[in-house]
């Protein structure tokens, strides 16, 4: 059986840096309709650094890094999801759900009552994932030039494991 594991990872570790670059390469390429350049990825990191994330997680499928997610606290009871990514070759295998669950649990442990995010219209898989996991569209809460949809989910303190074949080591 194929399984996912999710573990906390320092955002500046070589593993985290590599998966964040893979994420940015994917979304920049999708935005421009061509492969992203290393300079574009470097610029995206400079424009939106990850050094303020409260938690960062790396997801592995059968031991291979295939995704990530992080969040920052933007208020005493509000977290903002960042760097949500599942490698295209691993999409549809449950990784997005387990990464979201890990981020939500960690956000609750830091006092969050809600988690929010923004995304682009062309990231249809991401928008579908959020909708399946009870994220609701809300009015814009920022003016990010790439944000076209804004979502929020109210969080509770109970996160039962409803996902099979997944181990979350948070």
N, C-alpha and C. Protein backbone atom coordinates (compact mmCIF):
# COMPACT_ATOMS: atom_id res chain seq x y z
N UNK A 1 0.84 -1.19 0.00
CA UNK A 1 0.00 0.00 0.00
C UNK A 1 0.88 1.25 0.00
N UNK A 2 0.54 2.20 -0.82
CA UNK A 2 1.25 3.47 -0.89
C UNK A 2 0.83 4.32 0.29
N UNK A 3 1.81 4.97 0.92
CA UNK A 3 1.45 5.79 2.07
C UNK A 3 2.22 7.11 2.05
N UNK A 4 1.63 8.07 2.71
CA UNK A 4 2.21 9.39 2.90
C UNK A 4 2.64 9.54 4.35
N UNK A 5 3.74 10.22 4.56
CA UNK A 5 4.13 10.66 5.90
C UNK A 5 4.35 12.17 5.82
N UNK A 6 4.03 12.84 6.89
CA UNK A 6 4.22 14.28 6.97
C UNK A 6 4.98 14.57 8.25
N UNK A 7 6.05 15.32 8.11
CA UNK A 7 6.88 15.66 9.27
C UNK A 7 7.23 17.15 9.24
N UNK A 8 7.37 17.72 10.42
CA UNK A 8 7.86 19.10 10.46
C UNK A 8 9.28 19.16 9.89
N UNK A 9 9.60 20.28 9.28
CA UNK A 9 10.92 20.45 8.67
C UNK A 9 11.35 21.90 8.84
N UNK A 10 12.58 22.14 9.26
CA UNK A 10 13.03 23.54 9.29
C UNK A 10 12.96 24.13 7.88
N UNK A 11 12.40 25.30 7.76
CA UNK A 11 12.15 25.89 6.45
C UNK A 11 13.44 26.22 5.70
N UNK A 12 14.56 26.28 6.41
CA UNK A 12 15.82 26.57 5.75
C UNK A 12 16.67 25.32 5.51
N UNK A 13 16.13 24.14 5.77
CA UNK A 13 16.87 22.91 5.53
C UNK A 13 17.01 22.67 4.03
N UNK A 14 18.00 21.90 3.61
CA UNK A 14 18.12 21.59 2.17
C UNK A 14 16.86 20.93 1.60
N UNK A 15 16.22 20.07 2.38
CA UNK A 15 15.00 19.41 1.90
C UNK A 15 13.89 20.42 1.67
N UNK A 16 13.70 21.32 2.64
CA UNK A 16 12.65 22.34 2.50
C UNK A 16 12.95 23.28 1.34
N UNK A 17 14.18 23.72 1.23
CA UNK A 17 14.54 24.63 0.13
C UNK A 17 14.27 23.96 -1.21
N UNK A 18 14.61 22.70 -1.36
CA UNK A 18 14.40 21.99 -2.63
C UNK A 18 12.92 21.86 -2.96
N UNK A 19 12.09 21.50 -1.99
CA UNK A 19 10.66 21.33 -2.28
C UNK A 19 9.98 22.67 -2.51
N UNK A 20 10.41 23.72 -1.83
CA UNK A 20 9.86 25.06 -2.09
C UNK A 20 10.22 25.50 -3.50
N UNK A 21 11.45 25.23 -3.93
CA UNK A 21 11.84 25.57 -5.30
C UNK A 21 11.02 24.77 -6.31
N UNK A 22 10.74 23.51 -6.02
CA UNK A 22 9.90 22.69 -6.92
C UNK A 22 8.50 23.29 -7.01
N UNK A 23 7.95 23.70 -5.86
CA UNK A 23 6.63 24.34 -5.82
C UNK A 23 6.62 25.59 -6.69
N UNK A 24 7.59 26.46 -6.47
CA UNK A 24 7.63 27.71 -7.22
C UNK A 24 7.86 27.48 -8.71
N UNK A 25 8.70 26.52 -9.05
CA UNK A 25 8.92 26.17 -10.45
C UNK A 25 7.60 25.76 -11.10
N UNK A 26 6.82 24.97 -10.37
CA UNK A 26 5.53 24.51 -10.89
C UNK A 26 4.56 25.67 -11.10
N UNK A 27 4.36 26.49 -10.07
CA UNK A 27 3.33 27.53 -10.21
C UNK A 27 3.75 28.68 -11.13
N UNK A 28 5.04 28.97 -11.16
CA UNK A 28 5.52 30.01 -12.09
C UNK A 28 5.36 29.51 -13.53
N UNK A 29 5.73 28.27 -13.77
CA UNK A 29 5.59 27.69 -15.10
C UNK A 29 4.14 27.68 -15.56
N UNK A 30 3.25 27.34 -14.65
CA UNK A 30 1.82 27.33 -15.00
C UNK A 30 1.32 28.74 -15.32
N UNK A 31 1.81 29.70 -14.57
CA UNK A 31 1.38 31.08 -14.77
C UNK A 31 1.80 31.60 -16.14
N UNK A 32 3.05 31.34 -16.51
CA UNK A 32 3.57 31.85 -17.78
C UNK A 32 3.35 30.91 -18.96
N UNK A 33 2.96 29.67 -18.70
CA UNK A 33 2.75 28.72 -19.77
C UNK A 33 4.03 28.22 -20.41
N UNK A 34 5.11 28.27 -19.64
CA UNK A 34 6.42 27.81 -20.10
C UNK A 34 7.24 27.46 -18.86
N UNK A 35 8.35 26.74 -19.02
CA UNK A 35 9.16 26.41 -17.84
C UNK A 35 9.68 27.68 -17.14
N UNK A 36 9.65 27.65 -15.83
CA UNK A 36 10.18 28.76 -15.03
C UNK A 36 11.70 28.76 -15.10
N UNK A 37 12.27 29.95 -15.03
CA UNK A 37 13.72 30.05 -14.99
C UNK A 37 14.19 30.09 -13.54
N UNK A 38 15.42 29.69 -13.28
CA UNK A 38 15.95 29.81 -11.90
C UNK A 38 15.88 31.25 -11.38
N UNK A 39 16.10 32.24 -12.25
CA UNK A 39 16.02 33.64 -11.81
C UNK A 39 14.60 34.00 -11.37
N UNK A 40 13.59 33.48 -12.06
CA UNK A 40 12.20 33.74 -11.66
C UNK A 40 11.89 33.11 -10.31
N UNK A 41 12.40 31.92 -10.08
CA UNK A 41 12.19 31.25 -8.80
C UNK A 41 12.89 32.04 -7.70
N UNK A 42 14.12 32.48 -7.94
CA UNK A 42 14.85 33.30 -6.96
C UNK A 42 14.08 34.58 -6.64
N UNK A 43 13.52 35.21 -7.66
CA UNK A 43 12.77 36.44 -7.45
C UNK A 43 11.50 36.18 -6.64
N UNK A 44 10.83 35.08 -6.90
CA UNK A 44 9.62 34.73 -6.13
C UNK A 44 9.96 34.51 -4.66
N UNK A 45 11.09 33.89 -4.40
CA UNK A 45 11.52 33.68 -3.01
C UNK A 45 11.82 35.03 -2.35
N UNK A 46 12.47 35.92 -3.08
CA UNK A 46 12.78 37.25 -2.53
C UNK A 46 11.50 38.05 -2.29
N UNK A 47 10.52 37.92 -3.19
CA UNK A 47 9.27 38.68 -3.06
C UNK A 47 8.39 38.16 -1.93
N UNK A 48 8.44 36.88 -1.66
CA UNK A 48 7.57 36.26 -0.64
C UNK A 48 8.37 35.22 0.13
N UNK A 49 9.24 35.66 1.02
CA UNK A 49 10.10 34.71 1.75
C UNK A 49 9.29 33.82 2.69
N UNK A 50 9.91 32.75 3.11
CA UNK A 50 9.25 31.79 4.00
C UNK A 50 9.83 31.81 5.40
N UNK A 51 10.71 32.76 5.69
CA UNK A 51 11.37 32.75 6.98
C UNK A 51 10.45 33.13 8.15
N UNK A 52 9.24 33.58 7.86
CA UNK A 52 8.30 33.94 8.92
C UNK A 52 7.24 32.86 9.17
N UNK A 53 7.41 31.69 8.56
CA UNK A 53 6.42 30.63 8.77
C UNK A 53 6.52 30.10 10.19
N UNK A 54 5.36 29.93 10.81
CA UNK A 54 5.31 29.38 12.17
C UNK A 54 5.63 27.89 12.16
N UNK A 55 5.18 27.19 11.12
CA UNK A 55 5.45 25.76 10.96
C UNK A 55 5.58 25.47 9.47
N UNK A 56 6.40 24.47 9.17
CA UNK A 56 6.56 24.01 7.79
C UNK A 56 6.65 22.49 7.83
N UNK A 57 5.95 21.84 6.90
CA UNK A 57 5.90 20.39 6.84
C UNK A 57 6.29 19.90 5.46
N UNK A 58 6.95 18.76 5.44
CA UNK A 58 7.29 18.10 4.18
C UNK A 58 6.54 16.78 4.14
N UNK A 59 5.92 16.52 3.00
CA UNK A 59 5.20 15.26 2.79
C UNK A 59 6.01 14.34 1.91
N UNK A 60 6.06 13.09 2.34
CA UNK A 60 6.75 12.06 1.56
C UNK A 60 5.77 10.96 1.20
N UNK A 61 5.87 10.51 -0.02
CA UNK A 61 5.07 9.36 -0.46
C UNK A 61 6.05 8.22 -0.69
N UNK A 62 5.85 7.16 0.05
CA UNK A 62 6.77 6.01 0.00
C UNK A 62 8.21 6.46 0.19
N UNK A 63 8.42 7.42 1.09
CA UNK A 63 9.75 7.87 1.45
C UNK A 63 10.35 8.95 0.57
N UNK A 64 9.68 9.31 -0.52
CA UNK A 64 10.19 10.32 -1.45
C UNK A 64 9.46 11.64 -1.23
N UNK A 65 10.21 12.74 -1.10
CA UNK A 65 9.59 14.06 -0.91
C UNK A 65 8.71 14.38 -2.11
N UNK A 66 7.42 14.60 -1.82
CA UNK A 66 6.46 14.87 -2.91
C UNK A 66 5.56 16.07 -2.62
N UNK A 67 5.77 16.76 -1.48
CA UNK A 67 4.93 17.92 -1.21
C UNK A 67 5.34 18.66 0.03
N UNK A 68 4.65 19.78 0.26
CA UNK A 68 4.95 20.60 1.44
C UNK A 68 3.76 21.51 1.74
N UNK A 69 3.80 22.06 2.93
CA UNK A 69 2.84 23.09 3.34
C UNK A 69 3.41 23.80 4.56
N UNK A 70 3.09 25.06 4.67
CA UNK A 70 3.47 25.83 5.85
C UNK A 70 2.37 26.81 6.18
N UNK A 71 2.56 27.50 7.29
CA UNK A 71 1.63 28.57 7.62
C UNK A 71 2.33 29.58 8.50
N UNK A 72 1.81 30.79 8.44
CA UNK A 72 2.26 31.85 9.33
C UNK A 72 1.07 32.27 10.17
N UNK A 73 1.34 32.77 11.35
CA UNK A 73 0.28 33.33 12.17
C UNK A 73 0.17 34.80 11.80
N UNK A 74 -1.03 35.23 11.39
CA UNK A 74 -1.25 36.62 10.98
C UNK A 74 -2.06 37.38 12.01
N UNK A 75 -2.39 36.72 13.09
CA UNK A 75 -3.12 37.30 14.20
C UNK A 75 -3.12 36.26 15.31
N UNK A 76 -3.59 36.62 16.49
CA UNK A 76 -3.55 35.67 17.60
C UNK A 76 -4.37 34.40 17.36
N UNK A 77 -5.41 34.50 16.51
CA UNK A 77 -6.27 33.34 16.26
C UNK A 77 -6.42 33.02 14.78
N UNK A 78 -5.53 33.56 13.93
CA UNK A 78 -5.65 33.35 12.49
C UNK A 78 -4.31 32.92 11.91
N UNK A 79 -4.35 31.80 11.20
CA UNK A 79 -3.18 31.31 10.48
C UNK A 79 -3.41 31.54 8.98
N UNK A 80 -2.31 31.67 8.24
CA UNK A 80 -2.40 31.81 6.79
C UNK A 80 -1.57 30.70 6.15
N UNK A 81 -2.24 29.87 5.37
CA UNK A 81 -1.60 28.75 4.69
C UNK A 81 -0.70 29.27 3.59
N UNK A 82 0.51 28.72 3.50
CA UNK A 82 1.48 29.10 2.48
C UNK A 82 2.18 27.85 1.95
N UNK A 83 2.63 27.93 0.72
CA UNK A 83 3.48 26.89 0.12
C UNK A 83 2.82 25.51 0.07
N UNK A 84 1.51 25.48 -0.13
CA UNK A 84 0.81 24.21 -0.26
C UNK A 84 1.14 23.62 -1.62
N UNK A 85 1.72 22.42 -1.63
CA UNK A 85 2.19 21.84 -2.88
C UNK A 85 2.20 20.33 -2.81
N UNK A 86 1.69 19.72 -3.87
CA UNK A 86 1.85 18.29 -4.11
C UNK A 86 2.42 18.16 -5.51
N UNK A 87 3.51 17.44 -5.62
CA UNK A 87 4.16 17.23 -6.92
C UNK A 87 3.13 16.71 -7.92
N UNK A 88 3.16 17.22 -9.16
CA UNK A 88 2.16 16.79 -10.15
C UNK A 88 2.06 15.27 -10.30
N UNK A 89 3.16 14.56 -10.18
CA UNK A 89 3.14 13.11 -10.32
C UNK A 89 2.50 12.38 -9.15
N UNK A 90 2.25 13.10 -8.06
CA UNK A 90 1.66 12.49 -6.87
C UNK A 90 0.26 13.03 -6.57
N UNK A 91 -0.25 13.89 -7.41
CA UNK A 91 -1.59 14.44 -7.18
C UNK A 91 -2.63 13.34 -7.32
N UNK A 92 -3.65 13.44 -6.49
CA UNK A 92 -4.71 12.44 -6.52
C UNK A 92 -4.43 11.23 -5.65
N UNK A 93 -3.37 11.28 -4.85
CA UNK A 93 -2.99 10.14 -4.02
C UNK A 93 -3.20 10.39 -2.52
N UNK A 94 -3.83 11.49 -2.17
CA UNK A 94 -4.13 11.78 -0.77
C UNK A 94 -3.15 12.70 -0.08
N UNK A 95 -2.10 13.10 -0.75
CA UNK A 95 -1.09 13.96 -0.13
C UNK A 95 -1.62 15.32 0.27
N UNK A 96 -2.43 15.93 -0.57
CA UNK A 96 -2.97 17.25 -0.24
C UNK A 96 -3.78 17.22 1.04
N UNK A 97 -4.59 16.19 1.19
CA UNK A 97 -5.43 16.08 2.39
C UNK A 97 -4.59 15.94 3.66
N UNK A 98 -3.57 15.10 3.61
CA UNK A 98 -2.76 14.89 4.81
C UNK A 98 -1.90 16.11 5.12
N UNK A 99 -1.43 16.80 4.10
CA UNK A 99 -0.68 18.04 4.35
C UNK A 99 -1.58 19.10 4.98
N UNK A 100 -2.79 19.27 4.44
CA UNK A 100 -3.73 20.23 5.02
C UNK A 100 -4.03 19.89 6.48
N UNK A 101 -4.28 18.61 6.75
CA UNK A 101 -4.59 18.19 8.12
C UNK A 101 -3.44 18.50 9.07
N UNK A 102 -2.22 18.27 8.64
CA UNK A 102 -1.06 18.56 9.50
C UNK A 102 -0.98 20.05 9.80
N UNK A 103 -1.16 20.88 8.78
CA UNK A 103 -1.11 22.33 8.99
C UNK A 103 -2.24 22.79 9.90
N UNK A 104 -3.43 22.25 9.70
CA UNK A 104 -4.56 22.65 10.53
C UNK A 104 -4.34 22.26 11.99
N UNK A 105 -3.88 21.04 12.23
CA UNK A 105 -3.60 20.61 13.62
C UNK A 105 -2.56 21.51 14.27
N UNK A 106 -1.50 21.80 13.54
CA UNK A 106 -0.44 22.64 14.11
C UNK A 106 -0.95 24.06 14.37
N UNK A 107 -1.77 24.58 13.47
CA UNK A 107 -2.33 25.92 13.67
C UNK A 107 -3.19 25.97 14.92
N UNK A 108 -4.02 24.95 15.11
CA UNK A 108 -4.85 24.88 16.33
C UNK A 108 -3.96 24.84 17.56
N UNK A 109 -2.87 24.09 17.49
CA UNK A 109 -1.97 23.98 18.66
C UNK A 109 -1.33 25.32 19.01
N UNK A 110 -1.29 26.25 18.05
CA UNK A 110 -0.75 27.59 18.31
C UNK A 110 -1.85 28.60 18.61
N UNK A 111 -3.09 28.13 18.73
CA UNK A 111 -4.20 29.00 19.12
C UNK A 111 -5.07 29.49 17.99
N UNK A 112 -4.85 29.01 16.77
CA UNK A 112 -5.65 29.48 15.64
C UNK A 112 -7.07 28.93 15.71
N UNK A 113 -8.03 29.78 15.45
CA UNK A 113 -9.43 29.39 15.33
C UNK A 113 -9.86 29.38 13.87
N UNK A 114 -9.01 29.94 13.00
CA UNK A 114 -9.30 29.97 11.57
C UNK A 114 -7.98 29.90 10.80
N UNK A 115 -8.08 29.37 9.60
CA UNK A 115 -6.93 29.35 8.70
C UNK A 115 -7.42 29.86 7.35
N UNK A 116 -6.63 30.70 6.72
CA UNK A 116 -7.03 31.30 5.46
C UNK A 116 -5.91 31.15 4.44
N UNK A 117 -6.25 31.44 3.20
CA UNK A 117 -5.26 31.36 2.12
C UNK A 117 -5.77 32.13 0.92
N UNK A 118 -4.83 32.44 0.03
CA UNK A 118 -5.23 32.97 -1.27
C UNK A 118 -4.61 32.09 -2.33
N UNK A 119 -5.22 32.10 -3.51
CA UNK A 119 -4.72 31.30 -4.62
C UNK A 119 -5.15 31.93 -5.94
N UNK A 120 -4.64 31.35 -7.00
CA UNK A 120 -4.94 31.85 -8.35
C UNK A 120 -6.06 31.04 -8.98
N UNK A 121 -6.71 31.61 -9.98
CA UNK A 121 -7.80 30.94 -10.67
C UNK A 121 -7.33 29.70 -11.44
N UNK A 122 -6.09 29.74 -11.96
CA UNK A 122 -5.62 28.62 -12.77
C UNK A 122 -5.20 27.41 -11.93
N UNK A 123 -5.10 27.54 -10.64
CA UNK A 123 -4.72 26.43 -9.78
C UNK A 123 -5.98 25.67 -9.37
N UNK A 124 -6.62 25.07 -10.35
CA UNK A 124 -7.93 24.45 -10.17
C UNK A 124 -7.87 23.26 -9.22
N UNK A 125 -6.78 22.49 -9.24
CA UNK A 125 -6.68 21.35 -8.33
C UNK A 125 -6.65 21.84 -6.88
N UNK A 126 -5.92 22.91 -6.64
CA UNK A 126 -5.84 23.46 -5.28
C UNK A 126 -7.21 23.96 -4.82
N UNK A 127 -7.90 24.69 -5.68
CA UNK A 127 -9.21 25.20 -5.29
C UNK A 127 -10.18 24.07 -5.01
N UNK A 128 -10.12 23.00 -5.78
CA UNK A 128 -10.99 21.84 -5.54
C UNK A 128 -10.63 21.17 -4.22
N UNK A 129 -9.35 21.05 -3.92
CA UNK A 129 -8.91 20.46 -2.66
C UNK A 129 -9.46 21.27 -1.48
N UNK A 130 -9.31 22.58 -1.54
CA UNK A 130 -9.79 23.41 -0.42
C UNK A 130 -11.30 23.27 -0.25
N UNK A 131 -12.04 23.27 -1.34
CA UNK A 131 -13.50 23.14 -1.25
C UNK A 131 -13.88 21.79 -0.63
N UNK A 132 -13.17 20.71 -1.00
CA UNK A 132 -13.45 19.38 -0.42
C UNK A 132 -13.18 19.34 1.08
N UNK A 133 -12.34 20.23 1.56
CA UNK A 133 -11.96 20.20 2.98
C UNK A 133 -12.54 21.38 3.75
N UNK A 134 -13.71 21.83 3.31
CA UNK A 134 -14.51 22.81 4.03
C UNK A 134 -13.94 24.22 4.07
N UNK A 135 -13.08 24.55 3.14
CA UNK A 135 -12.64 25.94 3.00
C UNK A 135 -13.71 26.65 2.18
N UNK A 136 -14.08 27.83 2.60
CA UNK A 136 -15.11 28.61 1.92
C UNK A 136 -14.51 29.89 1.37
N UNK A 137 -14.98 30.28 0.18
CA UNK A 137 -14.49 31.54 -0.38
C UNK A 137 -14.98 32.70 0.48
N UNK A 138 -14.07 33.66 0.67
CA UNK A 138 -14.35 34.84 1.48
C UNK A 138 -13.91 36.07 0.70
N UNK A 139 -14.34 37.25 1.14
CA UNK A 139 -13.86 38.47 0.48
C UNK A 139 -12.33 38.58 0.58
N UNK A 140 -11.75 39.29 -0.37
CA UNK A 140 -10.29 39.47 -0.39
C UNK A 140 -9.80 40.03 0.93
N UNK A 141 -8.72 39.45 1.45
CA UNK A 141 -8.12 39.95 2.68
C UNK A 141 -6.71 40.48 2.45
N UNK A 142 -6.29 40.49 1.18
CA UNK A 142 -5.01 41.11 0.83
C UNK A 142 -5.10 41.61 -0.61
N UNK A 143 -4.03 42.26 -1.04
CA UNK A 143 -4.01 42.75 -2.42
C UNK A 143 -2.84 42.15 -3.20
N UNK A 144 -2.49 40.91 -2.87
CA UNK A 144 -1.43 40.21 -3.58
C UNK A 144 -1.75 40.21 -5.06
N UNK A 145 -0.77 40.53 -5.88
CA UNK A 145 -1.04 40.67 -7.32
C UNK A 145 -1.41 39.35 -7.99
N UNK A 146 -1.10 38.21 -7.38
CA UNK A 146 -1.44 36.92 -7.97
C UNK A 146 -2.69 36.30 -7.35
N UNK A 147 -3.20 36.88 -6.30
CA UNK A 147 -4.38 36.32 -5.62
C UNK A 147 -5.65 36.65 -6.41
N UNK A 148 -6.43 35.60 -6.66
CA UNK A 148 -7.71 35.77 -7.35
C UNK A 148 -8.87 35.14 -6.59
N UNK A 149 -8.53 34.26 -5.65
CA UNK A 149 -9.53 33.62 -4.80
C UNK A 149 -8.98 33.59 -3.37
N UNK A 150 -9.87 33.84 -2.41
CA UNK A 150 -9.49 33.84 -1.01
C UNK A 150 -10.39 32.86 -0.28
N UNK A 151 -9.80 32.05 0.58
CA UNK A 151 -10.53 31.00 1.30
C UNK A 151 -10.24 31.10 2.79
N UNK A 152 -11.19 30.59 3.57
CA UNK A 152 -11.00 30.49 5.01
C UNK A 152 -11.73 29.25 5.52
N UNK A 153 -11.18 28.68 6.57
CA UNK A 153 -11.80 27.55 7.24
C UNK A 153 -11.77 27.82 8.74
N UNK A 154 -12.89 27.62 9.39
CA UNK A 154 -12.95 27.68 10.85
C UNK A 154 -12.38 26.37 11.38
N UNK A 155 -11.55 26.44 12.37
CA UNK A 155 -10.88 25.27 12.91
C UNK A 155 -11.45 24.90 14.27
N UNK A 156 -11.40 23.60 14.56
CA UNK A 156 -11.78 23.13 15.89
C UNK A 156 -10.59 22.36 16.44
N UNK A 157 -10.63 22.05 17.70
CA UNK A 157 -9.52 21.36 18.33
C UNK A 157 -9.48 19.86 18.11
N UNK A 158 -10.47 19.30 17.42
CA UNK A 158 -10.49 17.85 17.24
C UNK A 158 -10.22 17.50 15.79
N UNK A 159 -9.16 16.77 15.58
CA UNK A 159 -8.79 16.33 14.24
C UNK A 159 -8.62 14.83 14.28
N UNK A 160 -9.69 14.12 14.00
CA UNK A 160 -9.60 12.67 13.92
C UNK A 160 -8.96 12.27 12.60
N UNK A 161 -8.34 11.13 12.56
CA UNK A 161 -7.74 10.65 11.33
C UNK A 161 -8.82 10.02 10.47
N UNK A 162 -9.15 10.67 9.37
CA UNK A 162 -10.14 10.15 8.44
C UNK A 162 -9.48 9.72 7.14
N UNK A 163 -8.17 9.72 7.14
CA UNK A 163 -7.43 9.41 5.93
C UNK A 163 -6.70 8.09 6.14
N UNK A 164 -6.86 7.17 5.22
CA UNK A 164 -6.18 5.89 5.37
C UNK A 164 -4.87 5.89 4.60
N UNK A 165 -3.94 5.07 5.05
CA UNK A 165 -2.65 4.98 4.38
C UNK A 165 -1.75 6.16 4.63
N UNK A 166 -2.00 6.92 5.71
CA UNK A 166 -1.25 8.14 5.99
C UNK A 166 -0.78 8.12 7.43
N UNK A 167 0.45 8.53 7.60
CA UNK A 167 0.98 8.74 8.95
C UNK A 167 1.42 10.19 9.03
N UNK A 168 0.90 10.90 9.99
CA UNK A 168 1.31 12.26 10.20
C UNK A 168 2.14 12.31 11.47
N UNK A 169 3.37 12.69 11.33
CA UNK A 169 4.28 12.69 12.45
C UNK A 169 4.55 14.11 12.89
N UNK A 170 3.49 14.78 13.30
CA UNK A 170 3.60 16.18 13.71
C UNK A 170 3.71 16.22 15.19
